[in-house]
Amino acid sequence: MKGIRNLLKPAIFLMVGFLVIFSMKSNNIFRLQDKIKTSLEEGLKVVKITEERSVIKEKKIVIDARIPKIHYEDDIVERYINSYVRKNINEFINQQIQLSDINNNGYKEDIDINYQIVYEDESLINLIIYKSTRWGRKEFKLEKDSYVFDLKTGQRIYLDNFLKDNEDYKDVIEKYIFSNLKSSNSSEYKDKINIDKDTNYYISDGGINIYFNPYRESKSNDKNEFKIPYDIFKAKIKMVKTDDIVANIDTQTINKKDKYINSVINIPIVMTGDKQIEKNINNKIRNDIMDFYNKSQEEAKQFLDDFPEEEGKFVANTNFEIKKNSNNMLSIIVTYYKYSGGAHGDYNNIAYNIYMKNGEILNLSDLFKDKVNYKEVINNEIRKQIEDMVKKDKENAGVYQFTTISDNQKFYIQDDNIVIFFDLYEIAPYAAGIPEFKINIKSFNHILKENYISIFE
């Protein structure tokens, strides 16, 4: 494929030459620049896009989805990106169908899913998935998911990586946004505008666009998208480099809908070069998920016996997110969700931190040297972060009742950080969600076992 592209380049420049001659002879010099630019861009594109269309018609919802599929010279990268995007689209579709089944809202929804490539060069591709939901006479909600991928590795490039040489990017972006809002509106955006690694962005001319979903909706005139020019950052935006993936990830989805239960079970399927490691990982995660699924079905039957008027309202879902997939480390979070009525459901996160050299699922204590007090180091970092949250917002005072991490403390690995997290209600009320504390390797590299230092690169 690369050889074909290299052979095409001389042909492209010959074509440009013919365009120049033709335009001069026809005195149509005004569109020459556009013709040259279009010819070069089309000829040098490295990714081809096709689409699959899916139309789903249910009793209270119709979904028309155009799902992009990229074609690229690197099969591993192509598969990883396609699996990543398709998984998220299917997750959204299944969620909307499930909500339409259990909600008695009395109206029908029409959902359109489409896509656009907003940026592409030999190293990056920026793909946006648009999701338009309409109901009633004039009600609507517009959302979009932007994905920036490194075409060399397949890794998704989050905002912090895209702006990696600007450690103060959060404060810089927030300050710029608030400085360009009308003073009368700034208070409305206080809780909405919180810039972090996962903030939505896409590449635009001369900068990036930051947005918050839904970026438009019928019930509000809020401005939820902001153009951020590159020149507000101290360091120049350089070529982004990411590490190779250690495993490809597919998804198996089980949908179950009967009078007892409404369930969407997403199971990660890990694919790697070592088939024994692959088998062990997949068996472990699948067994845990299916154990939850089978127990939930039994609970659903008991629930219907107790509350026969709630037929089909018991929900049990699982989903997953890849937190790290490089440097011999695969870190996966599986979310187990259950709802049987009331104000809210209950969910629980389980982390699988897999050292891909041998397939071992690591405990937190495994990372550190023997006879070191790693708990004290981590406890001090968590206390400091809680203190900082209180200083930033006095309403956080008294929210977090933290004493110490446990022997079997939950954690995952992301970039060069350990992320400590706690269950619902464990150290904070439900409204606080699942508390997470990101701790950089700089705080604990002196007590790490040498063979695990490289996983934080």
Foldseek 3Di string as FASTA:
>chain_A
DVVVLVVCVVVLVVVLVVLVVVCVVVVVVPCSVVVNVVSVCVSQFFKDKDWDWDWDDDPAEIETETQIQIDGPDPQLSQQLSQVRVQVVVVVVLVVVLCRVQDPPPKHKYKYWDKDFQDGDPFKTKMKIWIWIDIDDGWIFIQMAIWIAGSVANDTQFPCLQVVVFPCVQVLVVVVVLVPDDPVCSVVCPVVRGDDRHFGWDDDPQFIKTFDGSCDTDVDPDHGIDTDGQVSGPDHRDDGDDAHFQWRWHWDWDADFDQQEGEIEIAIQTGHPDVVLSVVVRVVRVVVRVVQVVVQSVVSVVLCVVPVVSTRNWYWYKDKDWQDGHLQWTKMKIKIWIDDDDDDTFIDIAIFIARNVVNDGDFPVVFFDPPDPVFVLVVVQVVVVLVVVCVVPVVSPPFFQDDTADPRWGWTDHQQWIKTWDGAPPGGHPVVPIDIGTDGCVSPVVGTDPVCNSVND
